[in-house]
Each structure stands twice: as C-alpha cells, then as structure tokens.
C-alpha cells in the first residue's frame, strides 16, 4: 500500500493509491434537491493525466440539456474529446 495524505477540510491535496483500489479522499455535502457538478482531475506519477465528472442531484439532468449545455462546458475543461463527436 502506498502512503497517502488527506486534508482535514476536503481541499485539494495529493493522494496516492495502489492500482485497482478505492481511496476515499473527501466527504462532500450533497443534497439531492440541488444539482451539483463535481470535476475530478488527476495526474499519475508517470505524467499522464485525466479528467472526469460526477453529477449529483435528482431528478437526473435530461440528456438533451446535458449534451447542449453542460457537455460543451466540460469539453473546455477536459480537452480530450470533441463535443460534436459525442453529442449527436
């Protein structure tokens, strides 16, 4: 197991985890009544990096609204995909 640290107040920090394992890095206050977007960025020691996202809230965001409004916003942050190739 690799060493890891966890900031006490859920701010950005450095985390290390063994491959194919789960590591809790924060406890986030989530309300199902409020839609929230969490953007996740990571970088591996070898230099490769990635971005992903998580939508919280209910009811789910309609697919058309997601593709037309939010996916372009995520593409600007991510740079790993083209909206027009995904949202058809």
PDB file of N, CA and C in Angstrom:
ATOM      1  N   UNK A   1       0.844  -1.182   0.000  1.00  0.00           N
ATOM      2  CA  UNK A   1       0.000   0.000   0.000  1.00  0.00           C
ATOM      3  C   UNK A   1       0.887   1.242   0.000  1.00  0.00           C
ATOM      4  N   UNK A   2       0.542   2.183  -0.856  1.00  0.00           N
ATOM      5  CA  UNK A   2       1.285   3.426  -0.934  1.00  0.00           C
ATOM      6  C   UNK A   2       0.836   4.388   0.162  1.00  0.00           C
ATOM      7  N   UNK A   3       1.727   5.269   0.612  1.00  0.00           N
ATOM      8  CA  UNK A   3       1.309   6.257   1.606  1.00  0.00           C
ATOM      9  C   UNK A   3       0.372   7.274   0.968  1.00  0.00           C
ATOM     10  N   UNK A   4      -0.529   7.840   1.759  1.00  0.00           N
ATOM     11  CA  UNK A   4      -1.407   8.884   1.259  1.00  0.00           C
ATOM     12  C   UNK A   4      -1.683   9.884   2.368  1.00  0.00           C
ATOM     13  N   UNK A   5      -2.118  11.055   1.963  1.00  0.00           N
ATOM     14  CA  UNK A   5      -2.486  12.071   2.930  1.00  0.00           C
ATOM     15  C   UNK A   5      -3.889  12.546   2.607  1.00  0.00           C
ATOM     16  N   UNK A   6      -4.580  13.064   3.584  1.00  0.00           N
ATOM     17  CA  UNK A   6      -5.939  13.549   3.382  1.00  0.00           C
ATOM     18  C   UNK A   6      -6.100  14.877   4.100  1.00  0.00           C
ATOM     19  N   UNK A   7      -6.297  15.967   3.352  1.00  0.00           N
ATOM     20  CA  UNK A   7      -6.526  17.239   4.020  1.00  0.00           C
ATOM     21  C   UNK A   7      -7.754  17.166   4.914  1.00  0.00           C
ATOM     22  N   UNK A   8      -7.692  17.792   6.061  1.00  0.00           N
ATOM     23  CA  UNK A   8      -8.789  17.722   7.024  1.00  0.00           C
ATOM     24  C   UNK A   8     -10.032  18.465   6.553  1.00  0.00           C
ATOM     25  N   UNK A   9      -9.866  19.454   5.673  1.00  0.00           N
ATOM     26  CA  UNK A   9     -11.001  20.268   5.271  1.00  0.00           C
ATOM     27  C   UNK A   9     -11.411  20.051   3.812  1.00  0.00           C
ATOM     28  N   UNK A  10     -11.084  18.894   3.235  1.00  0.00           N
ATOM     29  CA  UNK A  10     -11.516  18.498   1.890  1.00  0.00           C
ATOM     30  C   UNK A  10     -10.993  19.398   0.777  1.00  0.00           C
ATOM     31  N   UNK A  11      -9.903  20.091   0.987  1.00  0.00           N
ATOM     32  CA  UNK A  11      -9.327  20.898  -0.086  1.00  0.00           C
ATOM     33  C   UNK A  11      -8.481  20.023  -0.996  1.00  0.00           C
ATOM     34  N   UNK A  12      -7.989  20.642  -2.053  1.00  0.00           N
ATOM     35  CA  UNK A  12      -7.129  19.900  -2.970  1.00  0.00           C
ATOM     36  C   UNK A  12      -5.925  19.377  -2.208  1.00  0.00           C
ATOM     37  N   UNK A  13      -5.449  18.236  -2.623  1.00  0.00           N
ATOM     38  CA  UNK A  13      -4.287  17.654  -1.976  1.00  0.00           C
ATOM     39  C   UNK A  13      -3.705  16.562  -2.840  1.00  0.00           C
ATOM     40  N   UNK A  14      -2.670  15.933  -2.360  1.00  0.00           N
ATOM     41  CA  UNK A  14      -2.024  14.857  -3.095  1.00  0.00           C
ATOM     42  C   UNK A  14      -2.441  13.532  -2.486  1.00  0.00           C
ATOM     43  N   UNK A  15      -2.826  12.599  -3.335  1.00  0.00           N
ATOM     44  CA  UNK A  15      -3.263  11.279  -2.891  1.00  0.00           C
ATOM     45  C   UNK A  15      -2.565  10.223  -3.732  1.00  0.00           C
ATOM     46  N   UNK A  16      -2.160   9.159  -3.117  1.00  0.00           N
ATOM     47  CA  UNK A  16      -1.550   8.040  -3.829  1.00  0.00           C
ATOM     48  C   UNK A  16      -2.350   6.789  -3.499  1.00  0.00           C
ATOM     49  N   UNK A  17      -2.594   5.971  -4.495  1.00  0.00           N
ATOM     50  CA  UNK A  17      -3.344   4.733  -4.271  1.00  0.00           C
ATOM     51  C   UNK A  17      -2.748   3.626  -5.119  1.00  0.00           C
ATOM     52  N   UNK A  18      -2.828   2.416  -4.619  1.00  0.00           N
ATOM     53  CA  UNK A  18      -2.409   1.255  -5.391  1.00  0.00           C
ATOM     54  C   UNK A  18      -3.345   1.086  -6.587  1.00  0.00           C
ATOM     55  N   UNK A  19      -2.874   0.479  -7.680  1.00  0.00           N
ATOM     56  CA  UNK A  19      -3.742   0.236  -8.836  1.00  0.00           C
ATOM     57  C   UNK A  19      -4.964  -0.588  -8.452  1.00  0.00           C
ATOM     58  N   UNK A  20      -6.089  -0.268  -9.083  1.00  0.00           N
ATOM     59  CA  UNK A  20      -7.353  -1.001  -8.912  1.00  0.00           C
ATOM     60  C   UNK A  20      -7.851  -1.027  -7.478  1.00  0.00           C
ATOM     61  N   UNK A  21      -7.630   0.051  -6.749  1.00  0.00           N
ATOM     62  CA  UNK A  21      -8.142   0.158  -5.387  1.00  0.00           C
ATOM     63  C   UNK A  21      -8.984   1.430  -5.263  1.00  0.00           C
ATOM     64  N   UNK A  22      -9.752   1.500  -4.205  1.00  0.00           N
ATOM     65  CA  UNK A  22     -10.545   2.683  -3.914  1.00  0.00           C
ATOM     66  C   UNK A  22      -9.886   3.451  -2.785  1.00  0.00           C
ATOM     67  N   UNK A  23      -9.927   4.757  -2.873  1.00  0.00           N
ATOM     68  CA  UNK A  23      -9.351   5.598  -1.830  1.00  0.00           C
ATOM     69  C   UNK A  23     -10.291   6.771  -1.585  1.00  0.00           C
ATOM     70  N   UNK A  24     -10.855   6.860  -0.381  1.00  0.00           N
ATOM     71  CA  UNK A  24     -11.694   7.999  -0.034  1.00  0.00           C
ATOM     72  C   UNK A  24     -10.816   9.211   0.195  1.00  0.00           C
ATOM     73  N   UNK A  25     -11.081  10.292  -0.514  1.00  0.00           N
ATOM     74  CA  UNK A  25     -10.256  11.485  -0.383  1.00  0.00           C
ATOM     75  C   UNK A  25     -11.027  12.674   0.179  1.00  0.00           C
ATOM     76  N   UNK A  26     -12.340  12.584   0.248  1.00  0.00           N
ATOM     77  CA  UNK A  26     -13.117  13.702   0.770  1.00  0.00           C
ATOM     78  C   UNK A  26     -14.531  13.245   1.085  1.00  0.00           C
ATOM     79  N   UNK A  27     -15.169  13.972   1.945  1.00  0.00           N
ATOM     80  CA  UNK A  27     -16.591  13.795   2.225  1.00  0.00           C
ATOM     81  C   UNK A  27     -17.261  15.076   1.747  1.00  0.00           C
ATOM     82  N   UNK A  28     -18.139  14.941   0.765  1.00  0.00           N
ATOM     83  CA  UNK A  28     -18.763  16.106   0.171  1.00  0.00           C
ATOM     84  C   UNK A  28     -20.225  16.216   0.589  1.00  0.00           C
ATOM     85  N   UNK A  29     -20.644  17.396   1.002  1.00  0.00           N
ATOM     86  CA  UNK A  29     -22.065  17.582   1.336  1.00  0.00           C
ATOM     87  C   UNK A  29     -22.893  17.624   0.057  1.00  0.00           C
ATOM     88  N   UNK A  30     -23.780  16.659  -0.118  1.00  0.00           N
ATOM     89  CA  UNK A  30     -24.590  16.577  -1.325  1.00  0.00           C
ATOM     90  C   UNK A  30     -26.055  16.586  -0.940  1.00  0.00           C
ATOM     91  N   UNK A  31     -26.803  17.433  -1.608  1.00  0.00           N
ATOM     92  CA  UNK A  31     -28.248  17.488  -1.426  1.00  0.00           C
ATOM     93  C   UNK A  31     -28.900  16.996  -2.705  1.00  0.00           C
ATOM     94  N   UNK A  32     -29.798  16.030  -2.596  1.00  0.00           N
ATOM     95  CA  UNK A  32     -30.479  15.538  -3.792  1.00  0.00           C
ATOM     96  C   UNK A  32     -31.373  16.599  -4.408  1.00  0.00           C
ATOM     97  N   UNK A  33     -31.754  17.602  -3.618  1.00  0.00           N
ATOM     98  CA  UNK A  33     -32.610  18.669  -4.123  1.00  0.00           C
ATOM     99  C   UNK A  33     -31.836  19.667  -4.983  1.00  0.00           C
ATOM    100  N   UNK A  34     -30.526  19.672  -4.878  1.00  0.00           N
ATOM    101  CA  UNK A  34     -29.694  20.625  -5.610  1.00  0.00           C
ATOM    102  C   UNK A  34     -28.795  19.885  -6.580  1.00  0.00           C
ATOM    103  N   UNK A  35     -28.803  20.300  -7.837  1.00  0.00           N
ATOM    104  CA  UNK A  35     -27.909  19.690  -8.822  1.00  0.00           C
ATOM    105  C   UNK A  35     -26.513  20.286  -8.651  1.00  0.00           C
ATOM    106  N   UNK A  36     -25.514  19.417  -8.603  1.00  0.00           N
ATOM    107  CA  UNK A  36     -24.136  19.850  -8.434  1.00  0.00           C
ATOM    108  C   UNK A  36     -23.256  19.078  -9.409  1.00  0.00           C
ATOM    109  N   UNK A  37     -22.233  19.749  -9.919  1.00  0.00           N
ATOM    110  CA  UNK A  37     -21.266  19.133 -10.813  1.00  0.00           C
ATOM    111  C   UNK A  37     -19.919  19.109 -10.117  1.00  0.00           C
ATOM    112  N   UNK A  38     -19.335  17.939 -10.022  1.00  0.00           N
ATOM    113  CA  UNK A  38     -18.009  17.791  -9.449  1.00  0.00           C
ATOM    114  C   UNK A  38     -17.052  17.421 -10.572  1.00  0.00           C
ATOM    115  N   UNK A  39     -16.002  18.198 -10.735  1.00  0.00           N
ATOM    116  CA  UNK A  39     -14.998  17.936 -11.758  1.00  0.00           C
ATOM    117  C   UNK A  39     -13.786  17.310 -11.078  1.00  0.00           C
ATOM    118  N   UNK A  40     -13.375  16.155 -11.562  1.00  0.00           N
ATOM    119  CA  UNK A  40     -12.278  15.397 -10.977  1.00  0.00           C
ATOM    120  C   UNK A  40     -11.082  15.427 -11.922  1.00  0.00           C
ATOM    121  N   UNK A  41      -9.963  15.888 -11.424  1.00  0.00           N
ATOM    122  CA  UNK A  41      -8.715  15.922 -12.202  1.00  0.00           C
ATOM    123  C   UNK A  41      -7.691  15.055 -11.494  1.00  0.00           C
ATOM    124  N   UNK A  42      -6.901  14.332 -12.257  1.00  0.00           N
ATOM    125  CA  UNK A  42      -5.841  13.560 -11.636  1.00  0.00           C
ATOM    126  C   UNK A  42      -4.618  13.525 -12.535  1.00  0.00           C
ATOM    127  N   UNK A  43      -3.487  13.261 -11.919  1.00  0.00           N
ATOM    128  CA  UNK A  43      -2.234  13.120 -12.659  1.00  0.00           C
ATOM    129  C   UNK A  43      -1.468  11.960 -12.056  1.00  0.00           C
ATOM    130  N   UNK A  44      -0.974  11.091 -12.910  1.00  0.00           N
ATOM    131  CA  UNK A  44      -0.190   9.945 -12.468  1.00  0.00           C
ATOM    132  C   UNK A  44       1.269  10.343 -12.336  1.00  0.00           C
ATOM    133  N   UNK A  45       1.992   9.592 -11.537  1.00  0.00           N
ATOM    134  CA  UNK A  45       3.411   9.883 -11.333  1.00  0.00           C
ATOM    135  C   UNK A  45       4.192   9.885 -12.643  1.00  0.00           C
ATOM    136  N   UNK A  46       3.761   9.061 -13.610  1.00  0.00           N
ATOM    137  CA  UNK A  46       4.436   8.984 -14.897  1.00  0.00           C
ATOM    138  C   UNK A  46       4.137  10.200 -15.773  1.00  0.00           C
ATOM    139  N   UNK A  47       3.213  11.061 -15.342  1.00  0.00           N
ATOM    140  CA  UNK A  47       2.902  12.271 -16.085  1.00  0.00           C
ATOM    141  C   UNK A  47       1.584  12.263 -16.822  1.00  0.00           C
ATOM    142  N   UNK A  48       0.985  11.086 -17.048  1.00  0.00           N
ATOM    143  CA  UNK A  48      -0.311  11.082 -17.719  1.00  0.00           C
ATOM    144  C   UNK A  48      -1.363  11.646 -16.772  1.00  0.00           C
ATOM    145  N   UNK A  49      -2.410  12.219 -17.350  1.00  0.00           N
ATOM    146  CA  UNK A  49      -3.437  12.837 -16.518  1.00  0.00           C
ATOM    147  C   UNK A  49      -4.809  12.563 -17.092  1.00  0.00           C
ATOM    148  N   UNK A  50      -5.830  12.826 -16.323  1.00  0.00           N
ATOM    149  CA  UNK A  50      -7.196  12.603 -16.766  1.00  0.00           C
ATOM    150  C   UNK A  50      -8.166  13.530 -16.071  1.00  0.00           C
ATOM    151  N   UNK A  51      -9.353  13.582 -16.635  1.00  0.00           N
ATOM    152  CA  UNK A  51     -10.440  14.397 -16.099  1.00  0.00           C
ATOM    153  C   UNK A  51     -11.711  13.575 -16.193  1.00  0.00           C
ATOM    154  N   UNK A  52     -12.566  13.705 -15.207  1.00  0.00           N
ATOM    155  CA  UNK A  52     -13.876  13.079 -15.242  1.00  0.00           C
ATOM    156  C   UNK A  52     -14.823  13.973 -14.466  1.00  0.00           C
ATOM    157  N   UNK A  53     -16.078  13.616 -14.414  1.00  0.00           N
ATOM    158  CA  UNK A  53     -17.047  14.426 -13.694  1.00  0.00           C
ATOM    159  C   UNK A  53     -18.120  13.542 -13.080  1.00  0.00           C
ATOM    160  N   UNK A  54     -18.827  14.132 -12.116  1.00  0.00           N
ATOM    161  CA  UNK A  54     -19.926  13.443 -11.456  1.00  0.00           C
ATOM    162  C   UNK A  54     -21.047  14.441 -11.234  1.00  0.00           C
ATOM    163  N   UNK A  55     -22.240  14.088 -11.668  1.00  0.00           N
ATOM    164  CA  UNK A  55     -23.419  14.915 -11.425  1.00  0.00           C
ATOM    165  C   UNK A  55     -24.160  14.361 -10.225  1.00  0.00           C
ATOM    166  N   UNK A  56     -24.481  15.220  -9.288  1.00  0.00           N
ATOM    167  CA  UNK A  56     -25.273  14.826  -8.125  1.00  0.00           C
ATOM    168  C   UNK A  56     -26.596  15.576  -8.186  1.00  0.00           C
ATOM    169  N   UNK A  57     -27.623  14.986  -7.621  1.00  0.00           N
ATOM    170  CA  UNK A  57     -28.926  15.639  -7.566  1.00  0.00           C
ATOM    171  C   UNK A  57     -29.989  14.824  -8.247  1.00  0.00           C
ATOM    172  N   UNK A  58     -31.224  15.123  -7.923  1.00  0.00           N
ATOM    173  CA  UNK A  58     -32.357  14.426  -8.514  1.00  0.00           C
ATOM    174  C   UNK A  58     -33.408  15.467  -8.873  1.00  0.00           C
ATOM    175  N   UNK A  59     -34.165  15.306  -9.900  1.00  0.00           N
ATOM    176  CA  UNK A  59     -34.061  14.211 -10.859  1.00  0.00           C
ATOM    177  C   UNK A  59     -32.839  14.390 -11.758  1.00  0.00           C
ATOM    178  N   UNK A  60     -32.481  13.353 -12.506  1.00  0.00           N
ATOM    179  CA  UNK A  60     -31.316  13.459 -13.392  1.00  0.00           C
ATOM    180  C   UNK A  60     -31.501  14.562 -14.427  1.00  0.00           C
ATOM    181  N   UNK A  61     -30.415  15.065 -14.948  1.00  0.00           N
ATOM    182  CA  UNK A  61     -30.461  16.092 -15.978  1.00  0.00           C
ATOM    183  C   UNK A  61     -30.890  15.431 -17.293  1.00  0.00           C
ATOM    184  N   UNK A  62     -31.855  16.014 -17.995  1.00  0.00           N
ATOM    185  CA  UNK A  62     -32.269  15.434 -19.279  1.00  0.00           C
ATOM    186  C   UNK A  62     -31.088  15.371 -20.260  1.00  0.00           C
ATOM    187  N   UNK A  63     -31.013  14.298 -21.027  1.00  0.00           N
ATOM    188  CA  UNK A  63     -29.901  14.080 -21.941  1.00  0.00           C
ATOM    189  C   UNK A  63     -29.683  15.215 -22.926  1.00  0.00           C
ATOM    190  N   UNK A  64     -30.764  15.761 -23.484  1.00  0.00           N
ATOM    191  CA  UNK A  64     -30.636  16.839 -24.460  1.00  0.00           C
ATOM    192  C   UNK A  64     -30.005  18.079 -23.819  1.00  0.00           C
ATOM    193  N   UNK A  65     -30.455  18.417 -22.623  1.00  0.00           N
ATOM    194  CA  UNK A  65     -29.896  19.578 -21.915  1.00  0.00           C
ATOM    195  C   UNK A  65     -28.429  19.334 -21.574  1.00  0.00           C
ATOM    196  N   UNK A  66     -28.121  18.119 -21.142  1.00  0.00           N
ATOM    197  CA  UNK A  66     -26.733  17.767 -20.816  1.00  0.00           C
ATOM    198  C   UNK A  66     -25.840  17.952 -22.038  1.00  0.00           C
ATOM    199  N   UNK A  67     -26.269  17.430 -23.193  1.00  0.00           N
ATOM    200  CA  UNK A  67     -25.458  17.496 -24.412  1.00  0.00           C
ATOM    201  C   UNK A  67     -25.319  18.915 -24.950  1.00  0.00           C
ATOM    202  N   UNK A  68     -26.388  19.702 -24.842  1.00  0.00           N
ATOM    203  CA  UNK A  68     -26.360  21.043 -25.423  1.00  0.00           C
ATOM    204  C   UNK A  68     -25.717  22.083 -24.510  1.00  0.00           C
ATOM    205  N   UNK A  69     -25.906  21.940 -23.194  1.00  0.00           N
ATOM    206  CA  UNK A  69     -25.433  22.977 -22.277  1.00  0.00           C
ATOM    207  C   UNK A  69     -24.165  22.591 -21.520  1.00  0.00           C
ATOM    208  N   UNK A  70     -24.169  21.423 -20.909  1.00  0.00           N
ATOM    209  CA  UNK A  70     -23.091  21.076 -19.987  1.00  0.00           C
ATOM    210  C   UNK A  70     -21.901  20.379 -20.641  1.00  0.00           C
ATOM    211  N   UNK A  71     -22.151  19.540 -21.620  1.00  0.00           N
ATOM    212  CA  UNK A  71     -21.054  18.835 -22.278  1.00  0.00           C
ATOM    213  C   UNK A  71     -20.053  19.803 -22.919  1.00  0.00           C
ATOM    214  N   UNK A  72     -20.504  20.877 -23.585  1.00  0.00           N
ATOM    215  CA  UNK A  72     -19.532  21.842 -24.107  1.00  0.00           C
ATOM    216  C   UNK A  72     -18.697  22.501 -23.001  1.00  0.00           C
ATOM    217  N   UNK A  73     -19.289  22.741 -21.838  1.00  0.00           N
ATOM    218  CA  UNK A  73     -18.540  23.323 -20.723  1.00  0.00           C
ATOM    219  C   UNK A  73     -17.463  22.351 -20.240  1.00  0.00           C
ATOM    220  N   UNK A  74     -17.798  21.064 -20.186  1.00  0.00           N
ATOM    221  CA  UNK A  74     -16.835  20.053 -19.755  1.00  0.00           C
ATOM    222  C   UNK A  74     -15.721  19.892 -20.786  1.00  0.00           C
ATOM    223  N   UNK A  75     -16.053  19.980 -22.049  1.00  0.00           N
ATOM    224  CA  UNK A  75     -15.047  19.835 -23.107  1.00  0.00           C
ATOM    225  C   UNK A  75     -13.988  20.927 -23.015  1.00  0.00           C
ATOM    226  N   UNK A  76     -14.395  22.126 -22.640  1.00  0.00           N
ATOM    227  CA  UNK A  76     -13.444  23.228 -22.485  1.00  0.00           C
ATOM    228  C   UNK A  76     -12.453  22.919 -21.362  1.00  0.00           C
ATOM    229  N   UNK A  77     -12.915  22.271 -20.321  1.00  0.00           N
ATOM    230  CA  UNK A  77     -12.053  21.946 -19.186  1.00  0.00           C
ATOM    231  C   UNK A  77     -11.199  20.710 -19.443  1.00  0.00           C
ATOM    232  N   UNK A  78     -11.700  19.798 -20.235  1.00  0.00           N
ATOM    233  CA  UNK A  78     -11.056  18.496 -20.412  1.00  0.00           C
ATOM    234  C   UNK A  78     -10.094  18.455 -21.591  1.00  0.00           C
ATOM    235  N   UNK A  79     -10.464  18.926 -22.744  1.00  0.00           N
ATOM    236  CA  UNK A  79      -9.652  18.924 -23.966  1.00  0.00           C
ATOM    237  C   UNK A  79      -9.361  17.526 -24.523  1.00  0.00           C
ATOM    238  N   UNK A  80     -10.004  16.488 -24.005  1.00  0.00           N
ATOM    239  CA  UNK A  80      -9.705  15.143 -24.501  1.00  0.00           C
ATOM    240  C   UNK A  80     -10.770  14.622 -25.465  1.00  0.00           C
ATOM    241  N   UNK A  81     -11.812  15.410 -25.706  1.00  0.00           N
ATOM    242  CA  UNK A  81     -12.853  14.969 -26.621  1.00  0.00           C
ATOM    243  C   UNK A  81     -13.476  16.182 -27.318  1.00  0.00           C
ATOM    244  N   UNK A  82     -14.153  15.897 -28.429  1.00  0.00           N
ATOM    245  CA  UNK A  82     -14.855  16.930 -29.168  1.00  0.00           C
ATOM    246  C   UNK A  82     -16.358  16.692 -28.998  1.00  0.00           C
ATOM    247  N   UNK A  83     -17.051  17.709 -28.570  1.00  0.00           N
ATOM    248  CA  UNK A  83     -18.493  17.592 -28.294  1.00  0.00           C
ATOM    249  C   UNK A  83     -19.244  17.066 -29.508  1.00  0.00           C
ATOM    250  N   UNK A  84     -18.916  17.583 -30.676  1.00  0.00           N
ATOM    251  CA  UNK A  84     -19.662  17.179 -31.875  1.00  0.00           C
ATOM    252  C   UNK A  84     -19.482  15.696 -32.205  1.00  0.00           C
ATOM    253  N   UNK A  85     -18.460  15.056 -31.680  1.00  0.00           N
ATOM    254  CA  UNK A  85     -18.268  13.621 -31.905  1.00  0.00           C
ATOM    255  C   UNK A  85     -19.046  12.774 -30.904  1.00  0.00           C
ATOM    256  N   UNK A  86     -19.444  13.381 -29.792  1.00  0.00           N
ATOM    257  CA  UNK A  86     -20.150  12.641 -28.743  1.00  0.00           C
ATOM    258  C   UNK A  86     -21.645  12.928 -28.772  1.00  0.00           C
ATOM    259  N   UNK A  87     -22.007  14.201 -28.780  1.00  0.00           N
ATOM    260  CA  UNK A  87     -23.410  14.606 -28.706  1.00  0.00           C
ATOM    261  C   UNK A  87     -23.985  14.710 -30.106  1.00  0.00           C
ATOM    262  N   UNK A  88     -24.501  13.618 -30.603  1.00  0.00           N
ATOM    263  CA  UNK A  88     -25.070  13.602 -31.958  1.00  0.00           C
ATOM    264  C   UNK A  88     -26.571  13.531 -31.898  1.00  0.00           C
TER     265      UNK A  88
END
